[in-house]
Amino acid sequence: MSQYPKPMSRLIKELAKLPGIGPKTAQRLAFHLFALPRDEVVALATAMVEAKENLQYCAVCGHLTDESHCQVCQDPTRERHLLCVVEEPKDVIALEKTREFKGVYHVLHGALSPLEGIGPAELTITQLMQRLQTGEISEVILACDPDMEGEATALYLAKLIKPLGIKVTRLARGLPIGGDLEYIDEVTLGKAIEGRQEI
């Protein structure tokens, strides 16, 4: 028999499915939500449903948007010859906060990870190669996470892109190995963009 009434058990169970939320944290969150005024709980639930129903991926770069094209792709001032490849939409947001990068993006939606069954077909590599065929892009910055999967993805992409005659660079070293771009401070990310190196 559960220690909690069914609605509380269900809430804890659902919260524990979120990344980084263990059973104890799920329990704390559930009790916190229960203690909130009803209108705040409804606002949270509504925001989650609206995000799920209204967000989509940009038709050009794969970033999050509530329109067919994201704000970056719609911006006429962006340097379209400079393309930064990232793993996730959250990485675009992290790089945008630096205010250093003036080009456009391509979101892979993951990194190569054979152990997890993620190969080239599971990422947006085909779409990336199609974008590169236009001849508009002169440099590709590979801004994959500095972990094993990110490094493997960057090397794989460099081998595909270099034969096209496009300059391929990587964010400068100094980013912590095993870290995620979204957790790196803006100054470090900005300097990494400035000091990128050809690979």
N, C-alpha and C. Protein backbone atom coordinates (compact mmCIF):
# COMPACT_ATOMS: atom_id res chain seq x y z
N MET A 1 0.85 -1.20 0.00
CA MET A 1 0.00 0.00 0.00
C MET A 1 0.88 1.24 0.00
N SER A 2 0.55 2.22 -0.87
CA SER A 2 1.32 3.45 -1.00
C SER A 2 1.17 4.31 0.25
N GLN A 3 2.25 5.04 0.57
CA GLN A 3 2.20 5.95 1.72
C GLN A 3 1.38 7.19 1.42
N TYR A 4 1.17 7.47 0.13
CA TYR A 4 0.48 8.69 -0.30
C TYR A 4 -0.87 8.36 -0.91
N PRO A 5 -1.79 9.32 -0.87
CA PRO A 5 -3.03 9.14 -1.64
C PRO A 5 -2.68 9.03 -3.14
N LYS A 6 -3.55 8.37 -3.91
CA LYS A 6 -3.27 8.12 -5.33
C LYS A 6 -2.87 9.37 -6.11
N PRO A 7 -3.57 10.50 -5.96
CA PRO A 7 -3.18 11.68 -6.76
C PRO A 7 -1.75 12.15 -6.46
N MET A 8 -1.33 12.08 -5.19
CA MET A 8 0.02 12.50 -4.83
C MET A 8 1.04 11.50 -5.37
N SER A 9 0.75 10.21 -5.26
CA SER A 9 1.65 9.18 -5.80
C SER A 9 1.85 9.36 -7.30
N ARG A 10 0.76 9.65 -7.99
CA ARG A 10 0.85 9.83 -9.46
C ARG A 10 1.69 11.06 -9.78
N LEU A 11 1.48 12.16 -9.05
CA LEU A 11 2.24 13.39 -9.29
C LEU A 11 3.73 13.14 -9.06
N ILE A 12 4.09 12.47 -7.98
CA ILE A 12 5.50 12.15 -7.68
C ILE A 12 6.08 11.28 -8.80
N LYS A 13 5.31 10.29 -9.22
CA LYS A 13 5.78 9.39 -10.28
C LYS A 13 6.05 10.14 -11.57
N GLU A 14 5.14 11.06 -11.94
CA GLU A 14 5.31 11.82 -13.18
C GLU A 14 6.48 12.79 -13.08
N LEU A 15 6.64 13.45 -11.94
CA LEU A 15 7.75 14.39 -11.76
C LEU A 15 9.10 13.67 -11.80
N ALA A 16 9.14 12.45 -11.29
CA ALA A 16 10.39 11.67 -11.26
C ALA A 16 10.85 11.26 -12.67
N LYS A 17 9.98 11.38 -13.66
CA LYS A 17 10.34 11.06 -15.04
C LYS A 17 11.18 12.18 -15.67
N LEU A 18 11.17 13.36 -15.07
CA LEU A 18 11.92 14.49 -15.63
C LEU A 18 13.42 14.27 -15.43
N PRO A 19 14.25 14.77 -16.38
CA PRO A 19 15.70 14.56 -16.25
C PRO A 19 16.25 15.27 -15.02
N GLY A 20 17.11 14.56 -14.29
CA GLY A 20 17.75 15.13 -13.11
C GLY A 20 16.87 15.15 -11.87
N ILE A 21 15.68 14.59 -11.95
CA ILE A 21 14.76 14.57 -10.81
C ILE A 21 14.67 13.14 -10.28
N GLY A 22 15.21 12.95 -9.09
CA GLY A 22 15.12 11.65 -8.44
C GLY A 22 13.87 11.57 -7.59
N PRO A 23 13.64 10.44 -6.92
CA PRO A 23 12.43 10.26 -6.10
C PRO A 23 12.28 11.31 -4.99
N LYS A 24 13.38 11.65 -4.31
CA LYS A 24 13.29 12.63 -3.21
C LYS A 24 12.94 14.01 -3.73
N THR A 25 13.59 14.42 -4.84
CA THR A 25 13.30 15.74 -5.42
C THR A 25 11.87 15.77 -5.95
N ALA A 26 11.43 14.68 -6.57
CA ALA A 26 10.06 14.60 -7.07
C ALA A 26 9.06 14.75 -5.92
N GLN A 27 9.37 14.14 -4.79
CA GLN A 27 8.51 14.26 -3.61
C GLN A 27 8.45 15.71 -3.13
N ARG A 28 9.63 16.37 -3.04
CA ARG A 28 9.66 17.77 -2.60
C ARG A 28 8.87 18.67 -3.55
N LEU A 29 9.05 18.44 -4.86
CA LEU A 29 8.33 19.24 -5.85
C LEU A 29 6.82 19.02 -5.75
N ALA A 30 6.42 17.78 -5.56
CA ALA A 30 5.00 17.47 -5.45
C ALA A 30 4.37 18.18 -4.25
N PHE A 31 5.05 18.15 -3.12
CA PHE A 31 4.51 18.84 -1.93
C PHE A 31 4.52 20.36 -2.13
N HIS A 32 5.53 20.87 -2.83
CA HIS A 32 5.58 22.31 -3.11
C HIS A 32 4.40 22.70 -4.00
N LEU A 33 4.16 21.91 -5.05
CA LEU A 33 3.04 22.21 -5.95
C LEU A 33 1.71 22.14 -5.21
N PHE A 34 1.58 21.17 -4.32
CA PHE A 34 0.34 21.03 -3.55
C PHE A 34 0.10 22.26 -2.67
N ALA A 35 1.19 22.85 -2.16
CA ALA A 35 1.07 24.00 -1.26
C ALA A 35 0.79 25.31 -2.00
N LEU A 36 1.04 25.34 -3.30
CA LEU A 36 0.81 26.56 -4.09
C LEU A 36 -0.68 26.87 -4.22
N PRO A 37 -1.00 28.15 -4.41
CA PRO A 37 -2.40 28.48 -4.72
C PRO A 37 -2.82 27.83 -6.05
N ARG A 38 -4.10 27.50 -6.16
CA ARG A 38 -4.59 26.79 -7.34
C ARG A 38 -4.26 27.52 -8.64
N ASP A 39 -4.38 28.86 -8.66
CA ASP A 39 -4.15 29.59 -9.90
C ASP A 39 -2.69 29.48 -10.38
N GLU A 40 -1.75 29.36 -9.45
CA GLU A 40 -0.35 29.19 -9.84
C GLU A 40 -0.11 27.80 -10.43
N VAL A 41 -0.76 26.79 -9.88
CA VAL A 41 -0.63 25.43 -10.41
C VAL A 41 -1.26 25.37 -11.81
N VAL A 42 -2.42 26.01 -11.97
CA VAL A 42 -3.10 26.04 -13.27
C VAL A 42 -2.23 26.78 -14.29
N ALA A 43 -1.59 27.88 -13.88
CA ALA A 43 -0.72 28.64 -14.78
C ALA A 43 0.46 27.78 -15.24
N LEU A 44 1.05 27.02 -14.33
CA LEU A 44 2.16 26.13 -14.68
C LEU A 44 1.70 25.05 -15.66
N ALA A 45 0.58 24.41 -15.35
CA ALA A 45 0.05 23.35 -16.22
C ALA A 45 -0.30 23.90 -17.60
N THR A 46 -0.89 25.09 -17.63
CA THR A 46 -1.26 25.72 -18.90
C THR A 46 -0.02 26.05 -19.73
N ALA A 47 1.01 26.58 -19.06
CA ALA A 47 2.26 26.91 -19.77
C ALA A 47 2.89 25.66 -20.39
N MET A 48 2.85 24.55 -19.67
CA MET A 48 3.41 23.30 -20.19
C MET A 48 2.63 22.82 -21.41
N VAL A 49 1.30 22.86 -21.34
CA VAL A 49 0.47 22.40 -22.45
C VAL A 49 0.64 23.33 -23.65
N GLU A 50 0.66 24.65 -23.41
CA GLU A 50 0.83 25.61 -24.51
C GLU A 50 2.18 25.43 -25.19
N ALA A 51 3.23 25.22 -24.41
CA ALA A 51 4.56 25.00 -25.00
C ALA A 51 4.55 23.76 -25.87
N LYS A 52 3.96 22.70 -25.38
CA LYS A 52 3.92 21.43 -26.13
C LYS A 52 3.12 21.59 -27.42
N GLU A 53 2.02 22.33 -27.36
CA GLU A 53 1.15 22.47 -28.52
C GLU A 53 1.63 23.51 -29.53
N ASN A 54 2.34 24.55 -29.08
CA ASN A 54 2.66 25.67 -29.96
C ASN A 54 4.11 25.72 -30.44
N LEU A 55 5.01 25.02 -29.78
CA LEU A 55 6.41 25.05 -30.21
C LEU A 55 6.65 24.01 -31.30
N GLN A 56 7.57 24.36 -32.20
CA GLN A 56 7.98 23.45 -33.26
C GLN A 56 9.44 23.74 -33.58
N TYR A 57 10.02 22.98 -34.49
CA TYR A 57 11.39 23.23 -34.91
C TYR A 57 11.39 24.08 -36.17
N CYS A 58 12.31 25.03 -36.23
CA CYS A 58 12.46 25.91 -37.39
C CYS A 58 12.68 25.07 -38.65
N ALA A 59 12.00 25.42 -39.72
CA ALA A 59 12.10 24.69 -40.98
C ALA A 59 13.48 24.80 -41.61
N VAL A 60 14.26 25.82 -41.22
CA VAL A 60 15.58 26.02 -41.80
C VAL A 60 16.68 25.40 -40.93
N CYS A 61 16.72 25.81 -39.65
CA CYS A 61 17.87 25.43 -38.80
C CYS A 61 17.58 24.38 -37.74
N GLY A 62 16.30 24.17 -37.41
CA GLY A 62 15.95 23.18 -36.39
C GLY A 62 15.88 23.72 -34.98
N HIS A 63 16.00 25.07 -34.82
CA HIS A 63 15.89 25.67 -33.49
C HIS A 63 14.40 25.74 -33.10
N LEU A 64 14.12 25.93 -31.82
CA LEU A 64 12.74 26.05 -31.35
C LEU A 64 12.12 27.36 -31.83
N THR A 65 10.86 27.28 -32.21
CA THR A 65 10.13 28.47 -32.62
C THR A 65 8.64 28.22 -32.48
N ASP A 66 7.87 29.31 -32.50
CA ASP A 66 6.42 29.15 -32.54
C ASP A 66 5.89 29.59 -33.91
N GLU A 67 6.81 29.77 -34.86
CA GLU A 67 6.47 30.08 -36.26
C GLU A 67 7.20 29.08 -37.15
N SER A 68 7.09 29.23 -38.46
CA SER A 68 7.78 28.28 -39.35
C SER A 68 9.29 28.51 -39.34
N HIS A 69 9.73 29.77 -39.12
CA HIS A 69 11.14 30.11 -39.07
C HIS A 69 11.44 30.80 -37.74
N CYS A 70 12.59 30.46 -37.15
CA CYS A 70 12.96 31.05 -35.85
C CYS A 70 13.42 32.50 -36.03
N GLN A 71 13.62 33.21 -34.91
CA GLN A 71 14.02 34.61 -34.94
C GLN A 71 15.36 34.80 -35.62
N VAL A 72 16.31 33.89 -35.40
CA VAL A 72 17.63 34.01 -36.01
C VAL A 72 17.52 33.90 -37.52
N CYS A 73 16.80 32.91 -38.02
CA CYS A 73 16.66 32.73 -39.47
C CYS A 73 15.88 33.87 -40.12
N GLN A 74 15.01 34.52 -39.38
CA GLN A 74 14.24 35.65 -39.91
C GLN A 74 15.04 36.95 -39.90
N ASP A 75 16.12 37.02 -39.14
CA ASP A 75 16.89 38.25 -38.97
C ASP A 75 17.74 38.54 -40.21
N PRO A 76 17.44 39.62 -40.95
CA PRO A 76 18.19 39.91 -42.18
C PRO A 76 19.62 40.38 -41.94
N THR A 77 19.96 40.72 -40.69
CA THR A 77 21.31 41.23 -40.40
C THR A 77 22.31 40.11 -40.11
N ARG A 78 21.86 38.87 -40.03
CA ARG A 78 22.77 37.76 -39.71
C ARG A 78 23.70 37.48 -40.88
N GLU A 79 24.93 37.06 -40.56
CA GLU A 79 25.93 36.71 -41.57
C GLU A 79 25.66 35.28 -42.04
N ARG A 80 25.02 35.15 -43.17
CA ARG A 80 24.54 33.84 -43.65
C ARG A 80 25.66 32.95 -44.17
N HIS A 81 26.85 33.48 -44.35
CA HIS A 81 27.98 32.67 -44.82
C HIS A 81 28.63 31.90 -43.66
N LEU A 82 28.24 32.25 -42.42
CA LEU A 82 28.83 31.66 -41.22
C LEU A 82 27.79 30.80 -40.52
N LEU A 83 28.04 29.48 -40.47
CA LEU A 83 27.07 28.54 -39.90
C LEU A 83 27.66 27.84 -38.69
N CYS A 84 26.95 27.92 -37.56
CA CYS A 84 27.39 27.27 -36.33
C CYS A 84 26.51 26.03 -36.09
N VAL A 85 27.15 24.87 -36.00
CA VAL A 85 26.43 23.62 -35.78
C VAL A 85 26.46 23.28 -34.29
N VAL A 86 25.27 23.09 -33.71
CA VAL A 86 25.15 22.76 -32.29
C VAL A 86 24.33 21.48 -32.13
N GLU A 87 24.39 20.91 -30.94
CA GLU A 87 23.66 19.66 -30.69
C GLU A 87 22.18 19.89 -30.40
N GLU A 88 21.86 20.90 -29.59
CA GLU A 88 20.49 21.09 -29.11
C GLU A 88 20.06 22.55 -29.19
N PRO A 89 18.74 22.83 -29.23
CA PRO A 89 18.27 24.21 -29.22
C PRO A 89 18.79 25.03 -28.03
N LYS A 90 18.96 24.39 -26.87
CA LYS A 90 19.45 25.11 -25.69
C LYS A 90 20.86 25.66 -25.93
N ASP A 91 21.63 25.03 -26.84
CA ASP A 91 22.97 25.51 -27.16
C ASP A 91 22.92 26.80 -27.97
N VAL A 92 21.90 26.94 -28.84
CA VAL A 92 21.70 28.18 -29.59
C VAL A 92 21.47 29.32 -28.60
N ILE A 93 20.64 29.07 -27.61
CA ILE A 93 20.32 30.10 -26.61
C ILE A 93 21.57 30.48 -25.83
N ALA A 94 22.38 29.49 -25.45
CA ALA A 94 23.62 29.77 -24.72
C ALA A 94 24.56 30.63 -25.56
N LEU A 95 24.72 30.32 -26.84
CA LEU A 95 25.61 31.08 -27.71
C LEU A 95 25.05 32.47 -27.99
N GLU A 96 23.76 32.60 -28.13
CA GLU A 96 23.14 33.90 -28.38
C GLU A 96 23.35 34.86 -27.21
N LYS A 97 23.38 34.32 -25.99
CA LYS A 97 23.60 35.15 -24.80
C LYS A 97 24.96 35.84 -24.82
N THR A 98 25.93 35.27 -25.55
CA THR A 98 27.27 35.87 -25.60
C THR A 98 27.29 37.14 -26.44
N ARG A 99 26.35 37.27 -27.35
CA ARG A 99 26.27 38.39 -28.30
C ARG A 99 27.52 38.49 -29.18
N GLU A 100 28.28 37.41 -29.29
CA GLU A 100 29.51 37.39 -30.09
C GLU A 100 29.28 36.80 -31.48
N PHE A 101 28.36 35.87 -31.61
CA PHE A 101 28.16 35.17 -32.87
C PHE A 101 27.09 35.87 -33.69
N LYS A 102 27.43 36.23 -34.92
CA LYS A 102 26.50 36.98 -35.79
C LYS A 102 26.00 36.16 -36.98
N GLY A 103 26.39 34.86 -37.03
CA GLY A 103 25.98 34.02 -38.14
C GLY A 103 24.66 33.33 -37.87
N VAL A 104 24.47 32.18 -38.54
CA VAL A 104 23.24 31.39 -38.40
C VAL A 104 23.60 30.02 -37.81
N TYR A 105 22.59 29.24 -37.50
CA TYR A 105 22.78 27.97 -36.79
C TYR A 105 22.23 26.78 -37.57
N HIS A 106 22.70 25.60 -37.15
CA HIS A 106 22.08 24.34 -37.54
C HIS A 106 22.07 23.45 -36.30
N VAL A 107 20.89 22.98 -35.91
CA VAL A 107 20.74 22.15 -34.71
C VAL A 107 20.65 20.69 -35.12
N LEU A 108 21.55 19.87 -34.58
CA LEU A 108 21.59 18.44 -34.91
C LEU A 108 20.54 17.61 -34.19
N HIS A 109 20.07 18.10 -33.05
CA HIS A 109 19.14 17.37 -32.18
C HIS A 109 19.76 16.10 -31.61
N GLY A 110 21.00 16.26 -31.13
CA GLY A 110 21.70 15.16 -30.48
C GLY A 110 23.14 15.07 -30.95
N ALA A 111 23.79 14.01 -30.54
CA ALA A 111 25.17 13.73 -30.93
C ALA A 111 25.29 12.25 -31.23
N LEU A 112 26.27 11.90 -32.03
CA LEU A 112 26.48 10.49 -32.35
C LEU A 112 26.79 9.71 -31.08
N SER A 113 26.08 8.61 -30.89
CA SER A 113 26.28 7.77 -29.72
C SER A 113 25.86 6.35 -30.06
N PRO A 114 26.79 5.58 -30.63
CA PRO A 114 26.45 4.21 -31.04
C PRO A 114 25.88 3.36 -29.90
N LEU A 115 26.37 3.57 -28.67
CA LEU A 115 25.87 2.79 -27.54
C LEU A 115 24.39 3.03 -27.27
N GLU A 116 23.91 4.25 -27.59
CA GLU A 116 22.51 4.58 -27.40
C GLU A 116 21.70 4.43 -28.68
N GLY A 117 22.35 3.91 -29.72
CA GLY A 117 21.66 3.71 -30.99
C GLY A 117 21.45 4.99 -31.79
N ILE A 118 22.27 6.02 -31.52
CA ILE A 118 22.14 7.28 -32.25
C ILE A 118 23.25 7.36 -33.29
N GLY A 119 22.87 7.14 -34.53
CA GLY A 119 23.79 7.25 -35.65
C GLY A 119 23.47 8.48 -36.48
N PRO A 120 24.14 8.67 -37.60
CA PRO A 120 23.91 9.84 -38.46
C PRO A 120 22.45 10.00 -38.89
N ALA A 121 21.75 8.89 -39.11
CA ALA A 121 20.36 8.96 -39.57
C ALA A 121 19.42 9.54 -38.52
N GLU A 122 19.81 9.47 -37.24
CA GLU A 122 18.95 9.99 -36.17
C GLU A 122 19.16 11.49 -35.95
N LEU A 123 20.17 12.06 -36.56
CA LEU A 123 20.46 13.49 -36.44
C LEU A 123 20.08 14.21 -37.74
N THR A 124 20.17 15.53 -37.75
CA THR A 124 19.79 16.30 -38.94
C THR A 124 21.00 16.55 -39.85
N ILE A 125 21.83 15.54 -40.01
CA ILE A 125 23.05 15.67 -40.82
C ILE A 125 22.70 15.79 -42.30
N THR A 126 21.70 15.06 -42.78
CA THR A 126 21.28 15.16 -44.18
C THR A 126 20.84 16.58 -44.50
N GLN A 127 20.05 17.19 -43.60
CA GLN A 127 19.58 18.56 -43.81
C GLN A 127 20.76 19.54 -43.79
N LEU A 128 21.74 19.27 -42.91
CA LEU A 128 22.93 20.12 -42.86
C LEU A 128 23.67 20.07 -44.20
N MET A 129 23.88 18.89 -44.73
CA MET A 129 24.61 18.76 -45.99
C MET A 129 23.85 19.42 -47.14
N GLN A 130 22.52 19.37 -47.10
CA GLN A 130 21.71 20.06 -48.11
C GLN A 130 21.91 21.57 -48.03
N ARG A 131 21.99 22.10 -46.81
CA ARG A 131 22.22 23.55 -46.64
C ARG A 131 23.58 23.95 -47.18
N LEU A 132 24.55 23.07 -47.01
CA LEU A 132 25.91 23.39 -47.44
C LEU A 132 26.05 23.35 -48.97
N GLN A 133 25.15 22.66 -49.65
CA GLN A 133 25.20 22.55 -51.12
C GLN A 133 24.85 23.87 -51.81
N THR A 134 24.23 24.81 -51.10
CA THR A 134 23.78 26.07 -51.73
C THR A 134 24.95 26.95 -52.14
N GLY A 135 26.13 26.75 -51.54
CA GLY A 135 27.29 27.58 -51.86
C GLY A 135 27.32 28.89 -51.10
N GLU A 136 26.31 29.14 -50.27
CA GLU A 136 26.23 30.40 -49.51
C GLU A 136 27.16 30.39 -48.29
N ILE A 137 27.44 29.21 -47.75
CA ILE A 137 28.20 29.09 -46.50
C ILE A 137 29.69 28.90 -46.79
N SER A 138 30.51 29.77 -46.16
CA SER A 138 31.96 29.68 -46.37
C SER A 138 32.69 29.12 -45.16
N GLU A 139 32.04 29.13 -43.99
CA GLU A 139 32.66 28.56 -42.78
C GLU A 139 31.62 27.88 -41.93
N VAL A 140 31.97 26.70 -41.44
CA VAL A 140 31.12 25.96 -40.50
C VAL A 140 31.88 25.86 -39.18
N ILE A 141 31.25 26.35 -38.12
CA ILE A 141 31.81 26.24 -36.77
C ILE A 141 31.14 25.06 -36.09
N LEU A 142 31.92 24.07 -35.70
CA LEU A 142 31.37 22.90 -35.01
C LEU A 142 31.40 23.19 -33.50
N ALA A 143 30.22 23.44 -32.94
CA ALA A 143 30.10 23.79 -31.52
C ALA A 143 29.41 22.67 -30.75
N CYS A 144 29.88 21.45 -30.97
CA CYS A 144 29.34 20.30 -30.24
C CYS A 144 29.89 20.33 -28.81
N ASP A 145 29.18 19.67 -27.91
CA ASP A 145 29.63 19.61 -26.51
C ASP A 145 31.03 19.00 -26.45
N PRO A 146 31.87 19.49 -25.53
CA PRO A 146 33.23 18.95 -25.41
C PRO A 146 33.28 17.65 -24.59
N ASP A 147 32.48 16.67 -25.01
CA ASP A 147 32.51 15.35 -24.38
C ASP A 147 32.79 14.31 -25.47
N MET A 148 32.81 13.04 -25.12
CA MET A 148 33.17 12.00 -26.07
C MET A 148 32.24 11.98 -27.29
N GLU A 149 30.94 12.07 -27.06
CA GLU A 149 29.98 12.04 -28.16
C GLU A 149 30.10 13.28 -29.02
N GLY A 150 30.28 14.45 -28.38
CA GLY A 150 30.43 15.70 -29.12
C GLY A 150 31.68 15.71 -29.99
N GLU A 151 32.78 15.19 -29.44
CA GLU A 151 34.04 15.11 -30.20
C GLU A 151 33.88 14.18 -31.40
N ALA A 152 33.25 13.04 -31.19
CA ALA A 152 33.03 12.08 -32.28
C ALA A 152 32.15 12.70 -33.36
N THR A 153 31.14 13.42 -32.95
CA THR A 153 30.23 14.07 -33.90
C THR A 153 30.97 15.13 -34.70
N ALA A 154 31.78 15.94 -34.02
CA ALA A 154 32.54 17.00 -34.70
C ALA A 154 33.51 16.41 -35.73
N LEU A 155 34.22 15.35 -35.35
CA LEU A 155 35.16 14.72 -36.29
C LEU A 155 34.43 14.13 -37.49
N TYR A 156 33.31 13.50 -37.24
CA TYR A 156 32.51 12.91 -38.32
C TYR A 156 32.05 14.00 -39.30
N LEU A 157 31.54 15.11 -38.75
CA LEU A 157 31.06 16.20 -39.59
C LEU A 157 32.20 16.85 -40.37
N ALA A 158 33.35 17.03 -39.71
CA ALA A 158 34.50 17.64 -40.39
C ALA A 158 34.90 16.82 -41.61
N LYS A 159 34.88 15.49 -41.49
CA LYS A 159 35.23 14.61 -42.62
C LYS A 159 34.23 14.75 -43.77
N LEU A 160 32.95 14.99 -43.44
CA LEU A 160 31.93 15.17 -44.47
C LEU A 160 32.02 16.53 -45.15
N ILE A 161 32.34 17.56 -44.36
CA ILE A 161 32.27 18.95 -44.84
C ILE A 161 33.52 19.39 -45.58
N LYS A 162 34.70 19.00 -45.11
CA LYS A 162 35.95 19.47 -45.71
C LYS A 162 36.05 19.24 -47.22
N PRO A 163 35.63 18.08 -47.74
CA PRO A 163 35.70 17.88 -49.20
C PRO A 163 34.87 18.89 -50.01
N LEU A 164 33.94 19.59 -49.37
CA LEU A 164 33.12 20.58 -50.06
C LEU A 164 33.87 21.90 -50.25
N GLY A 165 35.08 22.00 -49.66
CA GLY A 165 35.86 23.23 -49.79
C GLY A 165 35.41 24.32 -48.83
N ILE A 166 34.67 23.94 -47.81
CA ILE A 166 34.19 24.89 -46.80
C ILE A 166 35.13 24.84 -45.61
N LYS A 167 35.50 26.01 -45.10
CA LYS A 167 36.36 26.09 -43.91
C LYS A 167 35.60 25.50 -42.72
N VAL A 168 36.26 24.61 -41.99
CA VAL A 168 35.64 23.98 -40.81
C VAL A 168 36.45 24.36 -39.58
N THR A 169 35.77 24.98 -38.60
CA THR A 169 36.44 25.37 -37.35
C THR A 169 35.71 24.74 -36.17
N ARG A 170 36.38 24.76 -35.04
CA ARG A 170 35.83 24.20 -33.80
C ARG A 170 35.97 25.28 -32.74
N LEU A 171 35.09 25.32 -31.77
CA LEU A 171 35.25 26.28 -30.68
C LEU A 171 36.61 26.07 -30.03
N ALA A 172 37.21 27.17 -29.59
CA ALA A 172 38.55 27.09 -28.99
C ALA A 172 38.52 26.21 -27.75
N ARG A 173 39.66 25.60 -27.48
CA ARG A 173 39.79 24.80 -26.26
C ARG A 173 39.69 25.72 -25.05
N GLY A 174 39.50 25.13 -23.92
CA GLY A 174 39.28 25.92 -22.72
C GLY A 174 37.90 25.66 -22.16
N LEU A 175 37.01 25.14 -23.02
CA LEU A 175 35.73 24.70 -22.51
C LEU A 175 35.97 23.42 -21.73
N PRO A 176 35.33 23.24 -20.59
CA PRO A 176 35.60 22.05 -19.80
C PRO A 176 35.13 20.77 -20.48
N ILE A 177 36.00 19.76 -20.47
CA ILE A 177 35.65 18.47 -21.05
C ILE A 177 34.55 17.83 -20.20
N GLY A 178 33.57 17.27 -20.88
CA GLY A 178 32.47 16.62 -20.17
C GLY A 178 31.36 17.59 -19.78
N GLY A 179 31.51 18.89 -20.17
CA GLY A 179 30.50 19.87 -19.82
C GLY A 179 29.47 20.05 -20.93
N ASP A 180 28.36 20.71 -20.61
CA ASP A 180 27.33 21.04 -21.59
C ASP A 180 27.38 22.54 -21.83
N LEU A 181 27.21 22.95 -23.10
CA LEU A 181 27.29 24.37 -23.44
C LEU A 181 26.32 25.23 -22.63
N GLU A 182 25.13 24.71 -22.33
CA GLU A 182 24.13 25.52 -21.64
C GLU A 182 24.57 25.94 -20.24
N TYR A 183 25.55 25.23 -19.63
CA TYR A 183 25.97 25.54 -18.28
C TYR A 183 27.25 26.38 -18.23
N ILE A 184 27.81 26.70 -19.39
CA ILE A 184 29.06 27.47 -19.44
C ILE A 184 28.72 28.95 -19.44
N ASP A 185 29.48 29.74 -18.67
CA ASP A 185 29.18 31.17 -18.57
C ASP A 185 29.38 31.88 -19.90
N GLU A 186 28.73 33.04 -20.05
CA GLU A 186 28.72 33.77 -21.31
C GLU A 186 30.10 34.25 -21.74
N VAL A 187 30.92 34.69 -20.79
CA VAL A 187 32.26 35.19 -21.13
C VAL A 187 33.11 34.07 -21.73
N THR A 188 33.10 32.90 -21.07
CA THR A 188 33.87 31.75 -21.57
C THR A 188 33.40 31.35 -22.96
N LEU A 189 32.08 31.29 -23.15
CA LEU A 189 31.54 30.93 -24.46
C LEU A 189 31.91 31.97 -25.52
N GLY A 190 31.83 33.23 -25.15
CA GLY A 190 32.18 34.31 -26.08
C GLY A 190 33.63 34.22 -26.52
N LYS A 191 34.53 33.98 -25.58
CA LYS A 191 35.95 33.84 -25.90
C LYS A 191 36.20 32.60 -26.74
N ALA A 192 35.45 31.54 -26.48
CA ALA A 192 35.60 30.31 -27.26
C ALA A 192 35.22 30.55 -28.72
N ILE A 193 34.19 31.37 -28.95
CA ILE A 193 33.80 31.70 -30.32
C ILE A 193 34.89 32.54 -30.99
N GLU A 194 35.40 33.55 -30.27
CA GLU A 194 36.45 34.41 -30.82
C GLU A 194 37.70 33.61 -31.18
N GLY A 195 38.07 32.65 -30.35
CA GLY A 195 39.32 31.91 -30.53
C GLY A 195 39.16 30.57 -31.21
N ARG A 196 38.07 30.40 -32.01
CA ARG A 196 37.86 29.12 -32.67
C ARG A 196 39.03 28.81 -33.61
N GLN A 197 39.26 27.51 -33.84
CA GLN A 197 40.39 27.06 -34.63
C GLN A 197 39.92 26.13 -35.74
N GLU A 198 40.64 26.16 -36.86
CA GLU A 198 40.32 25.26 -37.96
C GLU A 198 40.74 23.84 -37.59
N ILE A 199 39.94 22.86 -38.01
CA ILE A 199 40.29 21.46 -37.73
C ILE A 199 40.43 20.69 -39.04
